[in-house]
Amino acid sequence: MPKMKTNRGAAKRFKATGSGKIRRNKAFSSHILTKKSTKRKRNLRKSSLIDDANLKAVKRMLPYL
């Protein structure tokens, strides 16, 4: 049985926490920032955990995470 391949795009976007949960960064923070409020931009800087609905799909893309 060959080794499974990691989805490289997903590997650059997700990291595992110490407890095994998967962390992601928020979208909509790279351009067209003038119309977004300072509070909204500040909250976009924080990372969050992926939703349970997407956990199975992300784990399939990252078999060694």
PDB file of N, CA and C in Angstrom:
ATOM      1  N   MET A   1       0.852  -1.188   0.000  1.00  0.00           N
ATOM      2  CA  MET A   1       0.000   0.000   0.000  1.00  0.00           C
ATOM      3  C   MET A   1       0.893   1.245   0.000  1.00  0.00           C
ATOM      4  N   PRO A   2       0.730   2.129  -0.980  1.00  0.00           N
ATOM      5  CA  PRO A   2       1.566   3.329  -1.007  1.00  0.00           C
ATOM      6  C   PRO A   2       1.143   4.336   0.060  1.00  0.00           C
ATOM      7  N   LYS A   3       2.054   5.254   0.300  1.00  0.00           N
ATOM      8  CA  LYS A   3       1.743   6.326   1.246  1.00  0.00           C
ATOM      9  C   LYS A   3       0.637   7.208   0.678  1.00  0.00           C
ATOM     10  N   MET A   4      -0.159   7.787   1.565  1.00  0.00           N
ATOM     11  CA  MET A   4      -1.209   8.715   1.128  1.00  0.00           C
ATOM     12  C   MET A   4      -0.588  10.082   0.884  1.00  0.00           C
ATOM     13  N   LYS A   5      -1.130  10.788  -0.087  1.00  0.00           N
ATOM     14  CA  LYS A   5      -0.624  12.119  -0.394  1.00  0.00           C
ATOM     15  C   LYS A   5      -1.401  13.167   0.387  1.00  0.00           C
ATOM     16  N   THR A   6      -0.665  14.142   0.905  1.00  0.00           N
ATOM     17  CA  THR A   6      -1.265  15.287   1.575  1.00  0.00           C
ATOM     18  C   THR A   6      -1.680  16.311   0.530  1.00  0.00           C
ATOM     19  N   ASN A   7      -2.855  16.896   0.692  1.00  0.00           N
ATOM     20  CA  ASN A   7      -3.285  18.003  -0.169  1.00  0.00           C
ATOM     21  C   ASN A   7      -2.469  19.228   0.233  1.00  0.00           C
ATOM     22  N   ARG A   8      -1.563  19.663  -0.639  1.00  0.00           N
ATOM     23  CA  ARG A   8      -0.612  20.711  -0.282  1.00  0.00           C
ATOM     24  C   ARG A   8      -1.291  22.059  -0.050  1.00  0.00           C
ATOM     25  N   GLY A   9      -2.370  22.340  -0.764  1.00  0.00           N
ATOM     26  CA  GLY A   9      -3.101  23.584  -0.532  1.00  0.00           C
ATOM     27  C   GLY A   9      -3.702  23.623   0.855  1.00  0.00           C
ATOM     28  N   ALA A  10      -4.238  22.487   1.303  1.00  0.00           N
ATOM     29  CA  ALA A  10      -4.818  22.404   2.643  1.00  0.00           C
ATOM     30  C   ALA A  10      -3.725  22.471   3.705  1.00  0.00           C
ATOM     31  N   ALA A  11      -2.566  21.880   3.425  1.00  0.00           N
ATOM     32  CA  ALA A  11      -1.479  21.863   4.399  1.00  0.00           C
ATOM     33  C   ALA A  11      -0.987  23.272   4.706  1.00  0.00           C
ATOM     34  N   LYS A  12      -1.088  24.159   3.726  1.00  0.00           N
ATOM     35  CA  LYS A  12      -0.650  25.541   3.936  1.00  0.00           C
ATOM     36  C   LYS A  12      -1.696  26.363   4.687  1.00  0.00           C
ATOM     37  N   ARG A  13      -2.937  25.890   4.725  1.00  0.00           N
ATOM     38  CA  ARG A  13      -4.014  26.666   5.336  1.00  0.00           C
ATOM     39  C   ARG A  13      -4.384  26.227   6.742  1.00  0.00           C
ATOM     40  N   PHE A  14      -4.111  24.974   7.095  1.00  0.00           N
ATOM     41  CA  PHE A  14      -4.555  24.440   8.374  1.00  0.00           C
ATOM     42  C   PHE A  14      -3.370  23.963   9.206  1.00  0.00           C
ATOM     43  N   LYS A  15      -3.487  24.134  10.529  1.00  0.00           N
ATOM     44  CA  LYS A  15      -2.486  23.634  11.472  1.00  0.00           C
ATOM     45  C   LYS A  15      -3.228  22.945  12.608  1.00  0.00           C
ATOM     46  N   ALA A  16      -2.605  21.947  13.198  1.00  0.00           N
ATOM     47  CA  ALA A  16      -3.219  21.244  14.317  1.00  0.00           C
ATOM     48  C   ALA A  16      -2.844  21.932  15.627  1.00  0.00           C
ATOM     49  N   THR A  17      -3.785  21.975  16.556  1.00  0.00           N
ATOM     50  CA  THR A  17      -3.492  22.492  17.889  1.00  0.00           C
ATOM     51  C   THR A  17      -2.914  21.352  18.726  1.00  0.00           C
ATOM     52  N   GLY A  18      -2.512  21.661  19.944  1.00  0.00           N
ATOM     53  CA  GLY A  18      -1.951  20.638  20.803  1.00  0.00           C
ATOM     54  C   GLY A  18      -2.935  19.549  21.156  1.00  0.00           C
ATOM     55  N   SER A  19      -4.211  19.888  21.221  1.00  0.00           N
ATOM     56  CA  SER A  19      -5.235  18.910  21.592  1.00  0.00           C
ATOM     57  C   SER A  19      -5.781  18.159  20.380  1.00  0.00           C
ATOM     58  N   GLY A  20      -5.252  18.462  19.171  1.00  0.00           N
ATOM     59  CA  GLY A  20      -5.669  17.731  17.982  1.00  0.00           C
ATOM     60  C   GLY A  20      -6.753  18.402  17.165  1.00  0.00           C
ATOM     61  N   LYS A  21      -7.242  19.553  17.615  1.00  0.00           N
ATOM     62  CA  LYS A  21      -8.219  20.299  16.815  1.00  0.00           C
ATOM     63  C   LYS A  21      -7.487  20.992  15.675  1.00  0.00           C
ATOM     64  N   ILE A  22      -8.226  21.436  14.660  1.00  0.00           N
ATOM     65  CA  ILE A  22      -7.598  22.037  13.490  1.00  0.00           C
ATOM     66  C   ILE A  22      -7.922  23.523  13.454  1.00  0.00           C
ATOM     67  N   ARG A  23      -6.867  24.333  13.345  1.00  0.00           N
ATOM     68  CA  ARG A  23      -6.970  25.785  13.371  1.00  0.00           C
ATOM     69  C   ARG A  23      -6.918  26.317  11.948  1.00  0.00           C
ATOM     70  N   ARG A  24      -7.666  27.400  11.706  1.00  0.00           N
ATOM     71  CA  ARG A  24      -7.663  28.039  10.385  1.00  0.00           C
ATOM     72  C   ARG A  24      -7.622  29.550  10.560  1.00  0.00           C
ATOM     73  N   ASN A  25      -7.222  30.244   9.508  1.00  0.00           N
ATOM     74  CA  ASN A  25      -7.283  31.699   9.512  1.00  0.00           C
ATOM     75  C   ASN A  25      -8.551  32.147   8.810  1.00  0.00           C
ATOM     76  N   LYS A  26      -8.989  33.344   9.115  1.00  0.00           N
ATOM     77  CA  LYS A  26     -10.234  33.842   8.546  1.00  0.00           C
ATOM     78  C   LYS A  26      -9.993  34.438   7.161  1.00  0.00           C
ATOM     79  N   ALA A  27     -11.023  34.376   6.335  1.00  0.00           N
ATOM     80  CA  ALA A  27     -10.961  34.912   4.983  1.00  0.00           C
ATOM     81  C   ALA A  27     -11.366  36.396   4.984  1.00  0.00           C
ATOM     82  N   PHE A  28     -11.317  37.020   3.829  1.00  0.00           N
ATOM     83  CA  PHE A  28     -11.757  38.407   3.604  1.00  0.00           C
ATOM     84  C   PHE A  28     -10.878  39.447   4.289  1.00  0.00           C
ATOM     85  N   SER A  29      -9.593  39.179   4.454  1.00  0.00           N
ATOM     86  CA  SER A  29      -8.738  40.142   5.142  1.00  0.00           C
ATOM     87  C   SER A  29      -7.570  40.619   4.297  1.00  0.00           C
ATOM     88  N   SER A  30      -7.559  40.327   2.998  1.00  0.00           N
ATOM     89  CA  SER A  30      -6.366  40.645   2.214  1.00  0.00           C
ATOM     90  C   SER A  30      -6.499  41.908   1.357  1.00  0.00           C
ATOM     91  N   HIS A  31      -7.676  42.209   0.845  1.00  0.00           N
ATOM     92  CA  HIS A  31      -7.818  43.424   0.032  1.00  0.00           C
ATOM     93  C   HIS A  31      -9.244  43.940   0.149  1.00  0.00           C
ATOM     94  N   ILE A  32      -9.485  45.113  -0.449  1.00  0.00           N
ATOM     95  CA  ILE A  32     -10.746  45.858  -0.294  1.00  0.00           C
ATOM     96  C   ILE A  32     -11.019  46.085   1.198  1.00  0.00           C
ATOM     97  N   LEU A  33     -10.029  46.668   1.878  1.00  0.00           N
ATOM     98  CA  LEU A  33     -10.118  46.835   3.323  1.00  0.00           C
ATOM     99  C   LEU A  33     -10.682  48.197   3.741  1.00  0.00           C
ATOM    100  N   THR A  34     -10.793  49.136   2.798  1.00  0.00           N
ATOM    101  CA  THR A  34     -11.200  50.488   3.191  1.00  0.00           C
ATOM    102  C   THR A  34     -12.647  50.538   3.652  1.00  0.00           C
ATOM    103  N   LYS A  35     -13.509  49.716   3.096  1.00  0.00           N
ATOM    104  CA  LYS A  35     -14.916  49.750   3.493  1.00  0.00           C
ATOM    105  C   LYS A  35     -15.210  48.914   4.736  1.00  0.00           C
ATOM    106  N   LYS A  36     -14.244  48.150   5.195  1.00  0.00           N
ATOM    107  CA  LYS A  36     -14.434  47.321   6.386  1.00  0.00           C
ATOM    108  C   LYS A  36     -14.022  48.115   7.622  1.00  0.00           C
ATOM    109  N   SER A  37     -14.781  47.936   8.689  1.00  0.00           N
ATOM    110  CA  SER A  37     -14.508  48.697   9.900  1.00  0.00           C
ATOM    111  C   SER A  37     -13.241  48.186  10.578  1.00  0.00           C
ATOM    112  N   THR A  38     -12.646  49.031  11.412  1.00  0.00           N
ATOM    113  CA  THR A  38     -11.434  48.655  12.139  1.00  0.00           C
ATOM    114  C   THR A  38     -11.693  47.449  13.031  1.00  0.00           C
ATOM    115  N   LYS A  39     -12.856  47.416  13.675  1.00  0.00           N
ATOM    116  CA  LYS A  39     -13.205  46.290  14.537  1.00  0.00           C
ATOM    117  C   LYS A  39     -13.297  44.991  13.746  1.00  0.00           C
ATOM    118  N   ARG A  40     -13.890  45.071  12.564  1.00  0.00           N
ATOM    119  CA  ARG A  40     -14.033  43.878  11.716  1.00  0.00           C
ATOM    120  C   ARG A  40     -12.673  43.374  11.254  1.00  0.00           C
ATOM    121  N   LYS A  41     -11.803  44.298  10.851  1.00  0.00           N
ATOM    122  CA  LYS A  41     -10.459  43.905  10.401  1.00  0.00           C
ATOM    123  C   LYS A  41      -9.644  43.309  11.546  1.00  0.00           C
ATOM    124  N   ARG A  42      -9.792  43.870  12.748  1.00  0.00           N
ATOM    125  CA  ARG A  42      -9.082  43.352  13.916  1.00  0.00           C
ATOM    126  C   ARG A  42      -9.538  41.927  14.240  1.00  0.00           C
ATOM    127  N   ASN A  43     -10.834  41.660  14.136  1.00  0.00           N
ATOM    128  CA  ASN A  43     -11.345  40.324  14.410  1.00  0.00           C
ATOM    129  C   ASN A  43     -10.959  39.320  13.328  1.00  0.00           C
ATOM    130  N   LEU A  44     -10.729  39.784  12.114  1.00  0.00           N
ATOM    131  CA  LEU A  44     -10.293  38.886  11.035  1.00  0.00           C
ATOM    132  C   LEU A  44      -8.866  38.412  11.234  1.00  0.00           C
ATOM    133  N   ARG A  45      -8.078  39.132  12.040  1.00  0.00           N
ATOM    134  CA  ARG A  45      -6.686  38.712  12.297  1.00  0.00           C
ATOM    135  C   ARG A  45      -6.607  37.469  13.166  1.00  0.00           C
ATOM    136  N   LYS A  46      -7.637  37.228  13.977  1.00  0.00           N
ATOM    137  CA  LYS A  46      -7.611  36.096  14.898  1.00  0.00           C
ATOM    138  C   LYS A  46      -7.880  34.795  14.142  1.00  0.00           C
ATOM    139  N   SER A  47      -7.259  33.725  14.603  1.00  0.00           N
ATOM    140  CA  SER A  47      -7.542  32.426  14.006  1.00  0.00           C
ATOM    141  C   SER A  47      -8.726  31.799  14.722  1.00  0.00           C
ATOM    142  N   SER A  48      -9.328  30.790  14.101  1.00  0.00           N
ATOM    143  CA  SER A  48     -10.447  30.091  14.718  1.00  0.00           C
ATOM    144  C   SER A  48     -10.319  28.608  14.391  1.00  0.00           C
ATOM    145  N   LEU A  49     -11.200  27.807  14.961  1.00  0.00           N
ATOM    146  CA  LEU A  49     -11.195  26.374  14.718  1.00  0.00           C
ATOM    147  C   LEU A  49     -12.157  26.052  13.580  1.00  0.00           C
ATOM    148  N   ILE A  50     -11.869  24.975  12.849  1.00  0.00           N
ATOM    149  CA  ILE A  50     -12.781  24.624  11.763  1.00  0.00           C
ATOM    150  C   ILE A  50     -14.053  24.034  12.347  1.00  0.00           C
ATOM    151  N   ASP A  51     -15.135  24.172  11.607  1.00  0.00           N
ATOM    152  CA  ASP A  51     -16.441  23.709  12.035  1.00  0.00           C
ATOM    153  C   ASP A  51     -16.506  22.189  11.974  1.00  0.00           C
ATOM    154  N   ASP A  52     -17.365  21.593  12.797  1.00  0.00           N
ATOM    155  CA  ASP A  52     -17.512  20.137  12.811  1.00  0.00           C
ATOM    156  C   ASP A  52     -17.974  19.594  11.461  1.00  0.00           C
ATOM    157  N   ALA A  53     -18.754  20.386  10.710  1.00  0.00           N
ATOM    158  CA  ALA A  53     -19.248  19.932   9.420  1.00  0.00           C
ATOM    159  C   ALA A  53     -18.113  19.725   8.423  1.00  0.00           C
ATOM    160  N   ASN A  54     -16.999  20.452   8.584  1.00  0.00           N
ATOM    161  CA  ASN A  54     -15.878  20.350   7.649  1.00  0.00           C
ATOM    162  C   ASN A  54     -14.738  19.489   8.167  1.00  0.00           C
ATOM    163  N   LEU A  55     -14.841  18.999   9.391  1.00  0.00           N
ATOM    164  CA  LEU A  55     -13.737  18.275  10.021  1.00  0.00           C
ATOM    165  C   LEU A  55     -13.357  17.014   9.248  1.00  0.00           C
ATOM    166  N   LYS A  56     -14.346  16.247   8.822  1.00  0.00           N
ATOM    167  CA  LYS A  56     -14.079  14.991   8.121  1.00  0.00           C
ATOM    168  C   LYS A  56     -13.354  15.241   6.804  1.00  0.00           C
ATOM    169  N   ALA A  57     -13.781  16.249   6.060  1.00  0.00           N
ATOM    170  CA  ALA A  57     -13.173  16.554   4.765  1.00  0.00           C
ATOM    171  C   ALA A  57     -11.736  17.034   4.929  1.00  0.00           C
ATOM    172  N   VAL A  58     -11.482  17.855   5.938  1.00  0.00           N
ATOM    173  CA  VAL A  58     -10.121  18.378   6.151  1.00  0.00           C
ATOM    174  C   VAL A  58      -9.203  17.268   6.624  1.00  0.00           C
ATOM    175  N   LYS A  59      -9.686  16.401   7.490  1.00  0.00           N
ATOM    176  CA  LYS A  59      -8.866  15.280   7.950  1.00  0.00           C
ATOM    177  C   LYS A  59      -8.508  14.331   6.814  1.00  0.00           C
ATOM    178  N   ARG A  60      -9.389  14.195   5.833  1.00  0.00           N
ATOM    179  CA  ARG A  60      -9.112  13.359   4.665  1.00  0.00           C
ATOM    180  C   ARG A  60      -8.009  13.993   3.807  1.00  0.00           C
ATOM    181  N   MET A  61      -8.012  15.324   3.716  1.00  0.00           N
ATOM    182  CA  MET A  61      -6.990  16.010   2.927  1.00  0.00           C
ATOM    183  C   MET A  61      -5.630  16.004   3.620  1.00  0.00           C
ATOM    184  N   LEU A  62      -5.640  15.909   4.961  1.00  0.00           N
ATOM    185  CA  LEU A  62      -4.401  15.969   5.742  1.00  0.00           C
ATOM    186  C   LEU A  62      -4.266  14.683   6.564  1.00  0.00           C
ATOM    187  N   PRO A  63      -3.877  13.573   5.935  1.00  0.00           N
ATOM    188  CA  PRO A  63      -3.880  12.294   6.655  1.00  0.00           C
ATOM    189  C   PRO A  63      -2.835  12.216   7.768  1.00  0.00           C
ATOM    190  N   TYR A  64      -1.790  13.031   7.719  1.00  0.00           N
ATOM    191  CA  TYR A  64      -0.713  12.931   8.714  1.00  0.00           C
ATOM    192  C   TYR A  64      -0.718  14.089   9.693  1.00  0.00           C
ATOM    193  N   LEU A  65      -1.797  14.853   9.765  1.00  0.00           N
ATOM    194  CA  LEU A  65      -1.865  15.999  10.665  1.00  0.00           C
ATOM    195  C   LEU A  65      -2.242  15.550  12.054  1.00  0.00           C
TER     196      LEU A  65
END
